[in-house]
Amino acid sequence: MAMETKRKYLVISEEYKSLAFEYSEYCEGHLSNHSSCLIIIKILDQVGSITIQGLPGNPGTDFYVWERELALKDAKEMIKFCLPGMIQKTRYFIKSGHFTIEVDEFKGANEGLVMAEIESDQNIEYHNKPAWLGMEVTRDKKFNHENLISKPFKNWKK
């Protein structure tokens, strides 16, 4: 099982769109939402996958991750068994130095939220971050996908 480091930032302008080398439609459901282990079904365009993520080494930034591709048909069937709520978004891919930044424009109950993630198998030290990356929210639990499912962005102002 691999260890993955993840950093999250709010996005403060749409400049990333002109820098993107690719974008995809993304859907995510959770089969399990236990605090120490998530079982996630994902569909990125026409590719399905199952991910088990858990037991963070450094709470909020480091995760153990196991992921395998699924046939699209199987992923669509498994999503039917997920807990209520779904993450839907358009994901843009931007190259920045040694990293690929994934910028997510959320849809549905989280519409209006735009967040960037940088993932790596090593510690992320990002000294020259692009101007369109705003405040880091890596350790702010309300931005975790499991919380965005149970407490969507559209409900934050209510």
C-alpha atoms as a PDB file:
ATOM      1  CA  MET A   1       0.000   0.000   0.000  1.00  0.00           C
ATOM      2  CA  ALA A   2       1.365   3.424  -0.927  1.00  0.00           C
ATOM      3  CA  MET A   3       1.644   6.481   1.294  1.00  0.00           C
ATOM      4  CA  GLU A   4       0.317   9.672  -0.249  1.00  0.00           C
ATOM      5  CA  THR A   5       0.726  13.295   0.845  1.00  0.00           C
ATOM      6  CA  LYS A   6      -2.021  15.702  -0.126  1.00  0.00           C
ATOM      7  CA  ARG A   7      -2.298  19.498   0.168  1.00  0.00           C
ATOM      8  CA  LYS A   8      -5.527  21.424  -0.542  1.00  0.00           C
ATOM      9  CA  TYR A   9      -6.031  25.076  -1.435  1.00  0.00           C
ATOM     10  CA  LEU A  10      -8.993  27.277  -2.234  1.00  0.00           C
ATOM     11  CA  VAL A  11      -8.853  28.725  -5.750  1.00  0.00           C
ATOM     12  CA  ILE A  12      -9.298  32.497  -6.016  1.00  0.00           C
ATOM     13  CA  SER A  13      -9.432  33.090  -9.808  1.00  0.00           C
ATOM     14  CA  GLU A  14     -10.241  31.234 -13.021  1.00  0.00           C
ATOM     15  CA  GLU A  15      -6.705  31.618 -14.422  1.00  0.00           C
ATOM     16  CA  TYR A  16      -6.150  27.853 -14.012  1.00  0.00           C
ATOM     17  CA  LYS A  17      -8.559  27.152 -16.885  1.00  0.00           C
ATOM     18  CA  SER A  18      -6.213  28.669 -19.463  1.00  0.00           C
ATOM     19  CA  LEU A  19      -3.296  26.646 -18.016  1.00  0.00           C
ATOM     20  CA  ALA A  20      -5.049  23.267 -17.968  1.00  0.00           C
ATOM     21  CA  PHE A  21      -3.650  20.608 -20.294  1.00  0.00           C
ATOM     22  CA  GLU A  22      -6.654  18.350 -19.696  1.00  0.00           C
ATOM     23  CA  TYR A  23      -9.971  18.180 -17.864  1.00  0.00           C
ATOM     24  CA  SER A  24     -12.320  15.366 -16.889  1.00  0.00           C
ATOM     25  CA  GLU A  25     -15.746  14.782 -15.410  1.00  0.00           C
ATOM     26  CA  TYR A  26     -15.565  13.159 -11.992  1.00  0.00           C
ATOM     27  CA  CYS A  27     -18.045  11.400  -9.726  1.00  0.00           C
ATOM     28  CA  GLU A  28     -17.323   9.883  -6.306  1.00  0.00           C
ATOM     29  CA  GLY A  29     -19.397   7.882  -3.851  1.00  0.00           C
ATOM     30  CA  HIS A  30     -18.444   6.321  -0.515  1.00  0.00           C
ATOM     31  CA  LEU A  31     -19.192   2.704   0.363  1.00  0.00           C
ATOM     32  CA  SER A  32     -17.721   3.309   3.829  1.00  0.00           C
ATOM     33  CA  ASN A  33     -17.214   6.574   5.663  1.00  0.00           C
ATOM     34  CA  HIS A  34     -15.511   5.392   8.849  1.00  0.00           C
ATOM     35  CA  SER A  35     -13.141   7.923  10.430  1.00  0.00           C
ATOM     36  CA  SER A  36     -10.129   5.632  10.026  1.00  0.00           C
ATOM     37  CA  CYS A  37     -10.932   4.150   6.598  1.00  0.00           C
ATOM     38  CA  LEU A  38     -12.812   5.306   3.514  1.00  0.00           C
ATOM     39  CA  ILE A  39     -13.880   3.006   0.684  1.00  0.00           C
ATOM     40  CA  ILE A  40     -14.463   5.165  -2.370  1.00  0.00           C
ATOM     41  CA  ILE A  41     -15.895   4.387  -5.798  1.00  0.00           C
ATOM     42  CA  LYS A  42     -14.779   6.869  -8.462  1.00  0.00           C
ATOM     43  CA  ILE A  43     -15.629   7.470 -12.087  1.00  0.00           C
ATOM     44  CA  LEU A  44     -13.273   9.764 -13.999  1.00  0.00           C
ATOM     45  CA  ASP A  45     -14.685  10.187 -17.510  1.00  0.00           C
ATOM     46  CA  GLN A  46     -15.054   6.568 -18.694  1.00  0.00           C
ATOM     47  CA  VAL A  47     -12.762   4.907 -16.118  1.00  0.00           C
ATOM     48  CA  GLY A  48     -13.924   3.463 -12.821  1.00  0.00           C
ATOM     49  CA  SER A  49     -11.850   2.755  -9.724  1.00  0.00           C
ATOM     50  CA  ILE A  50     -12.087   1.650  -6.130  1.00  0.00           C
ATOM     51  CA  THR A  51      -9.903   3.318  -3.508  1.00  0.00           C
ATOM     52  CA  ILE A  52      -9.303   2.420   0.107  1.00  0.00           C
ATOM     53  CA  GLN A  53      -7.849   5.353   2.019  1.00  0.00           C
ATOM     54  CA  GLY A  54      -7.060   5.309   5.664  1.00  0.00           C
ATOM     55  CA  LEU A  55      -5.066   5.595   8.832  1.00  0.00           C
ATOM     56  CA  PRO A  56      -3.286   8.879   8.186  1.00  0.00           C
ATOM     57  CA  GLY A  57       0.337   8.996   9.245  1.00  0.00           C
ATOM     58  CA  ASN A  58       0.252  12.789   9.634  1.00  0.00           C
ATOM     59  CA  PRO A  59      -3.404  13.702  10.257  1.00  0.00           C
ATOM     60  CA  GLY A  60      -4.831  15.830   7.491  1.00  0.00           C
ATOM     61  CA  THR A  61      -1.988  15.470   4.984  1.00  0.00           C
ATOM     62  CA  ASP A  62      -0.758  11.853   4.777  1.00  0.00           C
ATOM     63  CA  PHE A  63      -2.861   8.824   3.854  1.00  0.00           C
ATOM     64  CA  TYR A  64      -2.338   5.179   3.071  1.00  0.00           C
ATOM     65  CA  VAL A  65      -3.920   4.572  -0.321  1.00  0.00           C
ATOM     66  CA  TRP A  66      -4.783   1.418  -2.234  1.00  0.00           C
ATOM     67  CA  GLU A  67      -6.454   1.942  -5.617  1.00  0.00           C
ATOM     68  CA  ARG A  68      -7.468  -0.362  -8.458  1.00  0.00           C
ATOM     69  CA  GLU A  69      -9.186   0.255 -11.754  1.00  0.00           C
ATOM     70  CA  LEU A  70     -12.688  -1.113 -12.230  1.00  0.00           C
ATOM     71  CA  ALA A  71     -14.646  -1.701 -15.392  1.00  0.00           C
ATOM     72  CA  LEU A  72     -16.914   1.316 -15.947  1.00  0.00           C
ATOM     73  CA  LYS A  73     -19.988  -0.936 -15.832  1.00  0.00           C
ATOM     74  CA  ASP A  74     -18.921  -2.304 -12.412  1.00  0.00           C
ATOM     75  CA  ALA A  75     -18.176   1.163 -11.022  1.00  0.00           C
ATOM     76  CA  LYS A  76     -21.626   2.408 -12.109  1.00  0.00           C
ATOM     77  CA  GLU A  77     -23.257  -0.574 -10.402  1.00  0.00           C
ATOM     78  CA  MET A  78     -21.216  -0.152  -7.196  1.00  0.00           C
ATOM     79  CA  ILE A  79     -22.053   3.565  -6.957  1.00  0.00           C
ATOM     80  CA  LYS A  80     -25.694   2.520  -6.467  1.00  0.00           C
ATOM     81  CA  PHE A  81     -24.651   0.950  -3.127  1.00  0.00           C
ATOM     82  CA  CYS A  82     -22.839   4.033  -1.830  1.00  0.00           C
ATOM     83  CA  LEU A  83     -23.946   6.051   1.165  1.00  0.00           C
ATOM     84  CA  PRO A  84     -26.305   8.968   0.451  1.00  0.00           C
ATOM     85  CA  GLY A  85     -24.679  11.962  -1.187  1.00  0.00           C
ATOM     86  CA  MET A  86     -22.229  12.185  -4.044  1.00  0.00           C
ATOM     87  CA  ILE A  87     -19.255  14.318  -5.050  1.00  0.00           C
ATOM     88  CA  GLN A  88     -19.554  15.600  -8.627  1.00  0.00           C
ATOM     89  CA  LYS A  89     -17.084  17.936 -10.269  1.00  0.00           C
ATOM     90  CA  THR A  90     -15.052  18.908 -13.298  1.00  0.00           C
ATOM     91  CA  ARG A  91     -11.364  18.292 -12.648  1.00  0.00           C
ATOM     92  CA  TYR A  92      -8.705  20.363 -14.439  1.00  0.00           C
ATOM     93  CA  PHE A  93      -5.068  19.217 -14.624  1.00  0.00           C
ATOM     94  CA  ILE A  94      -2.330  21.884 -14.518  1.00  0.00           C
ATOM     95  CA  LYS A  95       1.439  21.267 -14.569  1.00  0.00           C
ATOM     96  CA  SER A  96       3.350  23.391 -12.037  1.00  0.00           C
ATOM     97  CA  GLY A  97       7.023  22.629 -11.496  1.00  0.00           C
ATOM     98  CA  HIS A  98       7.394  19.006 -10.354  1.00  0.00           C
ATOM     99  CA  PHE A  99       3.698  18.693  -9.532  1.00  0.00           C
ATOM    100  CA  THR A 100       0.410  18.311 -11.342  1.00  0.00           C
ATOM    101  CA  ILE A 101      -2.240  20.427  -9.656  1.00  0.00           C
ATOM    102  CA  GLU A 102      -5.798  19.105  -9.845  1.00  0.00           C
ATOM    103  CA  VAL A 103      -8.380  21.887  -9.691  1.00  0.00           C
ATOM    104  CA  ASP A 104     -11.912  20.776  -8.879  1.00  0.00           C
ATOM    105  CA  GLU A 105     -15.003  22.816  -9.790  1.00  0.00           C
ATOM    106  CA  PHE A 106     -17.699  21.210  -7.698  1.00  0.00           C
ATOM    107  CA  LYS A 107     -21.234  20.655  -8.973  1.00  0.00           C
ATOM    108  CA  GLY A 108     -24.533  19.728  -7.381  1.00  0.00           C
ATOM    109  CA  ALA A 109     -24.791  20.368  -3.631  1.00  0.00           C
ATOM    110  CA  ASN A 110     -21.205  21.717  -3.574  1.00  0.00           C
ATOM    111  CA  GLU A 111     -21.553  24.042  -6.567  1.00  0.00           C
ATOM    112  CA  GLY A 112     -19.585  27.255  -6.135  1.00  0.00           C
ATOM    113  CA  LEU A 113     -16.679  25.575  -4.361  1.00  0.00           C
ATOM    114  CA  VAL A 114     -13.408  25.508  -6.338  1.00  0.00           C
ATOM    115  CA  MET A 115     -10.496  23.743  -4.687  1.00  0.00           C
ATOM    116  CA  ALA A 116      -7.034  22.596  -5.805  1.00  0.00           C
ATOM    117  CA  GLU A 117      -5.176  19.488  -4.641  1.00  0.00           C
ATOM    118  CA  ILE A 118      -1.532  18.583  -4.967  1.00  0.00           C
ATOM    119  CA  GLU A 119      -0.729  14.913  -4.327  1.00  0.00           C
ATOM    120  CA  SER A 120       2.666  13.296  -4.070  1.00  0.00           C
ATOM    121  CA  ASP A 121       4.384  10.227  -2.678  1.00  0.00           C
ATOM    122  CA  GLN A 122       6.789  12.558  -0.881  1.00  0.00           C
ATOM    123  CA  ASN A 123       6.567  15.602   1.385  1.00  0.00           C
ATOM    124  CA  ILE A 124       5.156  18.590  -0.502  1.00  0.00           C
ATOM    125  CA  GLU A 125       7.020  21.851  -0.048  1.00  0.00           C
ATOM    126  CA  TYR A 126       5.473  24.349  -2.410  1.00  0.00           C
ATOM    127  CA  HIS A 127       7.435  27.615  -2.381  1.00  0.00           C
ATOM    128  CA  ASN A 128       6.371  29.190  -5.694  1.00  0.00           C
ATOM    129  CA  LYS A 129       2.654  28.498  -5.737  1.00  0.00           C
ATOM    130  CA  PRO A 130       0.628  30.106  -8.527  1.00  0.00           C
ATOM    131  CA  ALA A 131      -1.178  33.391  -7.706  1.00  0.00           C
ATOM    132  CA  TRP A 132      -4.580  31.750  -8.324  1.00  0.00           C
ATOM    133  CA  LEU A 133      -4.057  29.398  -5.356  1.00  0.00           C
ATOM    134  CA  GLY A 134      -5.506  30.957  -2.225  1.00  0.00           C
ATOM    135  CA  MET A 135      -5.637  29.865   1.383  1.00  0.00           C
ATOM    136  CA  GLU A 136      -4.436  26.366   2.267  1.00  0.00           C
ATOM    137  CA  VAL A 137      -7.274  24.264   3.731  1.00  0.00           C
ATOM    138  CA  THR A 138      -5.503  20.901   4.009  1.00  0.00           C
ATOM    139  CA  ARG A 139      -6.285  20.399   7.695  1.00  0.00           C
ATOM    140  CA  ASP A 140      -9.723  22.051   7.668  1.00  0.00           C
ATOM    141  CA  LYS A 141     -12.035  19.049   7.971  1.00  0.00           C
ATOM    142  CA  LYS A 142     -15.025  20.779   6.381  1.00  0.00           C
ATOM    143  CA  PHE A 143     -13.206  20.496   3.013  1.00  0.00           C
ATOM    144  CA  ASN A 144     -12.776  16.679   3.223  1.00  0.00           C
ATOM    145  CA  HIS A 145     -14.949  14.844   0.724  1.00  0.00           C
ATOM    146  CA  GLU A 146     -16.688  12.850   3.451  1.00  0.00           C
ATOM    147  CA  ASN A 147     -17.766  16.131   5.070  1.00  0.00           C
ATOM    148  CA  LEU A 148     -18.720  17.732   1.738  1.00  0.00           C
ATOM    149  CA  ILE A 149     -21.112  14.814   1.254  1.00  0.00           C
ATOM    150  CA  SER A 150     -22.762  15.152   4.683  1.00  0.00           C
ATOM    151  CA  LYS A 151     -22.510  18.978   4.941  1.00  0.00           C
ATOM    152  CA  PRO A 152     -22.488  20.337   1.363  1.00  0.00           C
ATOM    153  CA  PHE A 153     -21.038  23.751   0.514  1.00  0.00           C
ATOM    154  CA  LYS A 154     -24.459  25.173  -0.465  1.00  0.00           C
ATOM    155  CA  ASN A 155     -25.629  24.651   3.141  1.00  0.00           C
ATOM    156  CA  TRP A 156     -22.706  26.465   4.799  1.00  0.00           C
ATOM    157  CA  LYS A 157     -24.396  29.864   4.651  1.00  0.00           C
ATOM    158  CA  LYS A 158     -27.673  28.614   6.139  1.00  0.00           C
END
